[in-house]
């Protein structure tokens, strides 16, 4: 059975550092996804995150979702006896938390705001440690990816957290929890439900489950890491299946470039390619991330290669 790599992040700081670096390198190059255990985020905090997440959806979000467009569309689809799937919607209730002061925090869930602020602080530090490992494995200077994403130390990278809930679906064959896509940004850190599965990645033409592991953090690379690494690390198609029973909850945090950041293949990697083939090869264009997001917002669920072509023409 093929499963994505599970890596003990604590071994990065001991005698098995070289092996752990190699495991992460393989996870980035061959999978685009891997799971971290012993990553440094306290288990007690993760348990509180699960608790407030469950309470939030039960107290504040369930009724909202039951009145949502996706529920209405599915009901109309079933009643009309149409075949196939409901298009252009996901069986997902979601809200976003960011670093600014515009968050509309749930008001009926005790400790939600405090818990999620603490969690976001911890997971952001983990993202920066993971990026430093990528720097090292790619042969880049320490902090290269972070600096690129922060628009050359302007400290304006985007760090967002998407809180998602996938309720039981009466017709899971007709709608996805989340349609297949690659992620637009940089490094994504997912704290997924440890009881209800559904996350899958596409590898060698087959959909492979990402099995829940208690208190693990799933890491995947977005489109901007693919560009920066000049294709050595690929962003990977993934989706979430809807389920007939069980409430799946997940919390995905995104360490993305500033909208003003210029993204391009790292020059050091191009120099390495030049030494190998005696010519300079840049497989990806140079562009401003905000322009890429404009393209991505229109083409998220379409093949990614035309997105790179479209942003290169801007």
Protein backbone atom coordinates (compact mmCIF):
# COMPACT_ATOMS: atom_id res chain seq x y z
CA UNK A 1 0.00 0.00 0.00
CA UNK A 2 1.35 3.41 -1.01
CA UNK A 3 1.23 6.08 1.68
CA UNK A 4 2.74 9.54 1.95
CA UNK A 5 5.88 9.87 4.11
CA UNK A 6 5.52 10.25 7.88
CA UNK A 7 8.54 12.09 9.33
CA UNK A 8 9.62 12.57 12.94
CA UNK A 9 10.59 16.25 12.91
CA UNK A 10 12.29 16.06 16.32
CA UNK A 11 15.06 13.92 14.80
CA UNK A 12 16.13 16.93 12.77
CA UNK A 13 17.92 18.17 15.88
CA UNK A 14 19.78 14.98 16.80
CA UNK A 15 22.08 12.31 15.43
CA UNK A 16 19.59 11.43 12.68
CA UNK A 17 19.58 14.93 11.19
CA UNK A 18 21.01 13.86 7.82
CA UNK A 19 18.46 11.07 7.43
CA UNK A 20 15.63 13.40 8.41
CA UNK A 21 16.75 16.05 5.92
CA UNK A 22 16.80 13.35 3.24
CA UNK A 23 13.29 12.20 4.18
CA UNK A 24 11.95 15.74 3.92
CA UNK A 25 13.75 16.23 0.62
CA UNK A 26 12.13 13.07 -0.74
CA UNK A 27 8.75 14.18 0.57
CA UNK A 28 9.08 17.49 -1.29
CA UNK A 29 10.52 16.07 -4.51
CA UNK A 30 8.55 12.85 -4.94
CA UNK A 31 5.30 13.57 -3.13
CA UNK A 32 4.68 17.25 -2.53
CA UNK A 33 3.03 16.08 0.69
CA UNK A 34 4.30 14.58 3.94
CA UNK A 35 3.16 14.30 7.54
CA UNK A 36 5.17 15.62 10.48
CA UNK A 37 4.98 14.06 13.94
CA UNK A 38 6.83 15.37 17.01
CA UNK A 39 6.80 18.78 15.31
CA UNK A 40 6.95 20.85 18.49
CA UNK A 41 3.37 22.12 18.71
CA UNK A 42 2.14 21.03 22.18
CA UNK A 43 -0.39 18.20 22.16
CA UNK A 44 -2.35 20.01 24.85
CA UNK A 45 -2.79 22.98 22.49
CA UNK A 46 -3.87 20.72 19.63
CA UNK A 47 -6.49 19.13 21.87
CA UNK A 48 -7.84 22.57 22.71
CA UNK A 49 -7.94 23.45 19.01
CA UNK A 50 -10.01 20.36 18.30
CA UNK A 51 -12.36 21.18 21.17
CA UNK A 52 -13.05 24.78 20.20
CA UNK A 53 -13.35 23.81 16.53
CA UNK A 54 -16.02 21.25 17.31
CA UNK A 55 -17.89 23.64 19.58
CA UNK A 56 -17.71 26.45 17.05
CA UNK A 57 -19.35 24.51 14.26
CA UNK A 58 -21.97 23.06 16.56
CA UNK A 59 -22.88 26.40 18.15
CA UNK A 60 -22.32 28.87 15.34
CA UNK A 61 -21.80 27.31 11.92
CA UNK A 62 -24.11 24.33 11.52
CA UNK A 63 -27.22 26.40 10.89
CA UNK A 64 -25.30 28.66 8.50
CA UNK A 65 -24.18 25.69 6.43
CA UNK A 66 -27.65 24.11 6.34
CA UNK A 67 -28.93 27.27 4.67
CA UNK A 68 -26.01 27.58 2.27
CA UNK A 69 -25.93 27.62 -1.51
CA UNK A 70 -24.22 24.23 -1.74
CA UNK A 71 -27.00 22.53 0.26
CA UNK A 72 -29.69 24.16 -1.87
CA UNK A 73 -27.93 23.21 -5.10
CA UNK A 74 -27.53 19.59 -4.03
CA UNK A 75 -31.19 19.35 -3.04
CA UNK A 76 -32.29 20.80 -6.39
CA UNK A 77 -29.91 18.47 -8.23
CA UNK A 78 -31.26 15.36 -6.49
CA UNK A 79 -34.91 16.39 -6.87
CA UNK A 80 -34.46 16.91 -10.61
CA UNK A 81 -32.99 13.38 -10.90
CA UNK A 82 -29.90 14.62 -12.72
CA UNK A 83 -26.92 12.33 -13.18
CA UNK A 84 -23.30 13.31 -12.56
CA UNK A 85 -22.07 15.80 -9.99
CA UNK A 86 -22.99 19.24 -8.76
CA UNK A 87 -20.39 21.50 -10.35
CA UNK A 88 -18.70 24.65 -9.05
CA UNK A 89 -19.46 24.08 -5.37
CA UNK A 90 -17.81 22.25 -2.46
CA UNK A 91 -19.47 20.47 0.45
CA UNK A 92 -17.52 22.64 2.86
CA UNK A 93 -18.25 25.32 5.42
CA UNK A 94 -15.25 27.58 5.82
CA UNK A 95 -14.01 30.82 7.34
CA UNK A 96 -10.62 32.52 7.24
CA UNK A 97 -8.39 33.89 10.00
CA UNK A 98 -5.51 36.26 9.18
CA UNK A 99 -2.89 38.40 10.90
CA UNK A 100 -4.83 41.63 10.49
CA UNK A 101 -7.59 42.93 12.74
CA UNK A 102 -10.45 42.15 10.35
CA UNK A 103 -11.27 38.68 11.68
CA UNK A 104 -14.87 38.08 12.63
CA UNK A 105 -14.19 35.82 15.57
CA UNK A 106 -16.92 33.37 16.64
CA UNK A 107 -18.69 35.00 19.56
CA UNK A 108 -20.50 32.05 21.15
CA UNK A 109 -17.52 29.71 21.53
CA UNK A 110 -15.52 30.24 24.74
CA UNK A 111 -11.74 30.40 24.27
CA UNK A 112 -11.92 30.11 20.46
CA UNK A 113 -10.10 33.39 19.80
CA UNK A 114 -7.41 32.84 22.43
CA UNK A 115 -6.82 29.22 21.39
CA UNK A 116 -6.62 29.94 17.68
CA UNK A 117 -4.29 32.90 18.17
CA UNK A 118 -1.95 30.67 20.16
CA UNK A 119 -2.20 27.88 17.58
CA UNK A 120 -1.56 30.23 14.66
CA UNK A 121 1.54 31.58 16.39
CA UNK A 122 2.92 28.06 16.86
CA UNK A 123 2.11 26.82 13.38
CA UNK A 124 3.63 29.93 11.79
CA UNK A 125 6.91 29.21 13.59
CA UNK A 126 6.72 25.62 12.34
CA UNK A 127 6.19 26.88 8.78
CA UNK A 128 9.34 28.98 9.02
CA UNK A 129 11.33 26.01 10.33
CA UNK A 130 10.07 23.88 7.44
CA UNK A 131 11.07 26.59 4.96
CA UNK A 132 14.56 26.70 6.46
CA UNK A 133 14.82 22.95 5.88
CA UNK A 134 13.78 23.50 2.28
CA UNK A 135 16.46 26.20 1.98
CA UNK A 136 19.07 23.76 3.23
CA UNK A 137 17.94 20.89 1.04
CA UNK A 138 17.83 23.09 -2.06
CA UNK A 139 21.28 24.53 -1.34
CA UNK A 140 19.93 28.04 -0.73
CA UNK A 141 21.06 30.44 1.96
CA UNK A 142 19.22 30.17 5.29
CA UNK A 143 16.07 32.26 5.23
CA UNK A 144 15.97 32.56 1.42
CA UNK A 145 12.34 31.44 1.00
CA UNK A 146 11.12 33.53 3.92
CA UNK A 147 12.90 36.60 2.55
CA UNK A 148 11.45 36.04 -0.92
CA UNK A 149 7.94 35.66 0.46
CA UNK A 150 8.33 38.74 2.66
CA UNK A 151 9.24 40.91 -0.33
CA UNK A 152 12.89 41.22 0.73
CA UNK A 153 12.45 41.53 4.49
CA UNK A 154 9.42 43.85 4.40
CA UNK A 155 7.72 41.39 6.76
CA UNK A 156 4.49 41.41 4.78
CA UNK A 157 4.09 37.76 3.80
CA UNK A 158 0.51 36.53 4.08
CA UNK A 159 -0.23 34.00 6.80
CA UNK A 160 -3.81 32.82 6.75
CA UNK A 161 -5.71 29.99 8.39
CA UNK A 162 -8.74 28.34 6.78
CA UNK A 163 -11.04 26.63 9.28
CA UNK A 164 -13.14 24.02 7.47
CA UNK A 165 -16.01 21.72 8.31
CA UNK A 166 -17.31 18.93 6.09
CA UNK A 167 -20.67 17.76 7.48
CA UNK A 168 -22.19 14.37 6.62
CA UNK A 169 -23.36 14.47 3.00
CA UNK A 170 -26.57 12.66 1.99
CA UNK A 171 -25.30 12.16 -1.56
CA UNK A 172 -21.48 12.01 -1.46
CA UNK A 173 -21.33 10.62 -4.99
CA UNK A 174 -22.75 13.90 -6.31
CA UNK A 175 -20.50 16.52 -4.70
CA UNK A 176 -16.90 16.74 -3.50
CA UNK A 177 -15.98 18.03 -0.07
CA UNK A 178 -13.36 20.13 -1.89
CA UNK A 179 -12.67 19.88 -5.61
CA UNK A 180 -9.24 18.85 -6.91
CA UNK A 181 -6.73 21.70 -7.06
CA UNK A 182 -3.18 22.72 -6.31
CA UNK A 183 -2.53 25.43 -3.72
CA UNK A 184 -1.55 28.84 -5.03
CA UNK A 185 0.87 29.88 -2.32
CA UNK A 186 3.93 28.69 -0.47
CA UNK A 187 3.91 26.20 2.39
CA UNK A 188 0.63 24.76 3.67
CA UNK A 189 0.30 23.17 7.12
CA UNK A 190 -2.86 21.14 7.73
CA UNK A 191 -4.14 19.93 11.07
CA UNK A 192 -6.69 17.41 9.83
CA UNK A 193 -9.40 15.47 11.59
CA UNK A 194 -7.93 12.37 13.23
CA UNK A 195 -11.21 10.42 13.06
CA UNK A 196 -12.80 11.19 9.68
CA UNK A 197 -10.67 10.77 6.55
CA UNK A 198 -11.30 12.17 3.08
CA UNK A 199 -8.10 13.96 2.00
CA UNK A 200 -6.50 12.48 -1.12
CA UNK A 201 -3.55 13.41 -3.33
CA UNK A 202 -2.99 12.54 -6.97
CA UNK A 203 0.18 10.52 -7.61
CA UNK A 204 1.03 8.70 -10.82
CA UNK A 205 -2.54 9.03 -12.01
CA UNK A 206 -4.07 7.51 -8.86
CA UNK A 207 -5.83 9.10 -5.90
CA UNK A 208 -4.08 8.15 -2.65
CA UNK A 209 -5.53 8.64 0.82
CA UNK A 210 -3.75 10.81 3.36
CA UNK A 211 -4.60 8.77 6.46
CA UNK A 212 -5.37 10.66 9.66
CA UNK A 213 -2.62 10.46 12.28
CA UNK A 214 -3.44 11.90 15.71
CA UNK A 215 -1.73 15.27 16.28
CA UNK A 216 0.27 15.14 13.04
CA UNK A 217 0.66 18.18 10.79
CA UNK A 218 0.34 17.53 7.06
CA UNK A 219 2.74 19.65 4.96
CA UNK A 220 2.33 20.37 1.29
CA UNK A 221 4.05 22.67 -1.16
CA UNK A 222 2.16 25.28 -3.18
CA UNK A 223 2.69 26.70 -6.65
CA UNK A 224 5.18 29.35 -5.46
CA UNK A 225 7.53 26.75 -4.00
CA UNK A 226 7.39 24.98 -7.36
CA UNK A 227 8.42 28.20 -9.11
CA UNK A 228 11.11 29.16 -6.60
CA UNK A 229 12.65 25.67 -6.78
CA UNK A 230 12.47 25.80 -10.60
CA UNK A 231 10.31 22.69 -10.59
CA UNK A 232 12.38 20.53 -8.26
CA UNK A 233 9.51 20.63 -5.78
CA UNK A 234 6.07 20.29 -7.36
CA UNK A 235 2.71 21.46 -6.08
CA UNK A 236 0.38 18.46 -6.08
CA UNK A 237 -3.27 18.01 -6.95
CA UNK A 238 -5.40 17.12 -3.95
CA UNK A 239 -9.07 16.93 -3.00
CA UNK A 240 -11.39 16.14 -0.10
CA UNK A 241 -14.15 13.58 -0.51
CA UNK A 242 -17.54 14.15 1.06
CA UNK A 243 -18.73 11.42 3.41
CA UNK A 244 -22.19 10.04 4.26
CA UNK A 245 -21.43 10.09 7.97
CA UNK A 246 -19.01 11.75 10.35
CA UNK A 247 -18.16 15.44 10.69
CA UNK A 248 -14.73 16.12 9.23
CA UNK A 249 -12.93 19.20 10.50
CA UNK A 250 -9.61 20.55 9.29
CA UNK A 251 -7.49 23.64 9.82
CA UNK A 252 -5.18 24.64 6.96
CA UNK A 253 -2.61 27.41 7.46
CA UNK A 254 -0.91 29.04 4.49
CA UNK A 255 2.45 30.82 4.54
CA UNK A 256 2.18 32.70 1.25
CA UNK A 257 4.19 35.48 -0.39
CA UNK A 258 3.22 39.10 -0.02
CA UNK A 259 0.96 40.18 -2.87
CA UNK A 260 3.76 42.63 -3.80
CA UNK A 261 6.52 39.98 -3.77
CA UNK A 262 8.29 39.16 -7.01
CA UNK A 263 8.57 35.38 -7.41
CA UNK A 264 11.02 33.63 -9.72
CA UNK A 265 13.26 30.58 -9.76
CA UNK A 266 16.10 31.05 -7.26
CA UNK A 267 19.20 32.26 -9.16
CA UNK A 268 21.41 29.81 -7.25
CA UNK A 269 19.39 26.91 -8.67
CA UNK A 270 19.71 28.27 -12.19
CA UNK A 271 23.48 28.46 -11.75
CA UNK A 272 23.47 24.80 -10.74
CA UNK A 273 21.45 23.95 -13.84
CA UNK A 274 23.83 25.98 -15.99
CA UNK A 275 26.78 23.95 -14.73
CA UNK A 276 24.99 20.74 -15.64
CA UNK A 277 23.81 21.63 -19.14
CA UNK A 278 26.12 24.52 -20.08
CA UNK A 279 23.23 26.96 -20.47
CA UNK A 280 20.93 28.98 -18.24
CA UNK A 281 17.47 27.48 -17.98
CA UNK A 282 14.55 29.11 -16.17
CA UNK A 283 11.56 26.81 -16.47
CA UNK A 284 9.17 29.29 -14.84
CA UNK A 285 8.49 32.98 -15.41
CA UNK A 286 9.16 35.88 -13.06
CA UNK A 287 5.98 37.55 -11.81
CA UNK A 288 4.36 39.51 -8.98
CA UNK A 289 2.44 37.19 -6.68
CA UNK A 290 -0.65 39.44 -6.64
CA UNK A 291 -0.90 39.03 -10.42
CA UNK A 292 -0.64 35.28 -10.03
CA UNK A 293 -3.48 35.30 -7.51
CA UNK A 294 -5.68 37.18 -9.96
CA UNK A 295 -5.16 34.39 -12.47
CA UNK A 296 -5.48 31.65 -9.84
CA UNK A 297 -8.79 32.94 -8.53
CA UNK A 298 -10.26 32.37 -11.99
CA UNK A 299 -8.48 29.08 -12.74
CA UNK A 300 -8.06 27.35 -9.36
CA UNK A 301 -9.69 24.10 -10.43
CA UNK A 302 -8.15 24.04 -13.92
CA UNK A 303 -4.72 22.70 -14.99
CA UNK A 304 -1.95 24.76 -13.39
CA UNK A 305 0.48 25.07 -16.34
CA UNK A 306 -1.75 27.61 -18.17
CA UNK A 307 -1.75 29.73 -15.01
CA UNK A 308 2.02 30.16 -15.27
CA UNK A 309 1.67 31.01 -18.96
CA UNK A 310 -1.10 33.52 -18.26
CA UNK A 311 0.76 35.35 -15.49
CA UNK A 312 3.89 35.50 -17.65
CA UNK A 313 1.88 37.47 -20.24
CA UNK A 314 0.80 40.14 -17.73
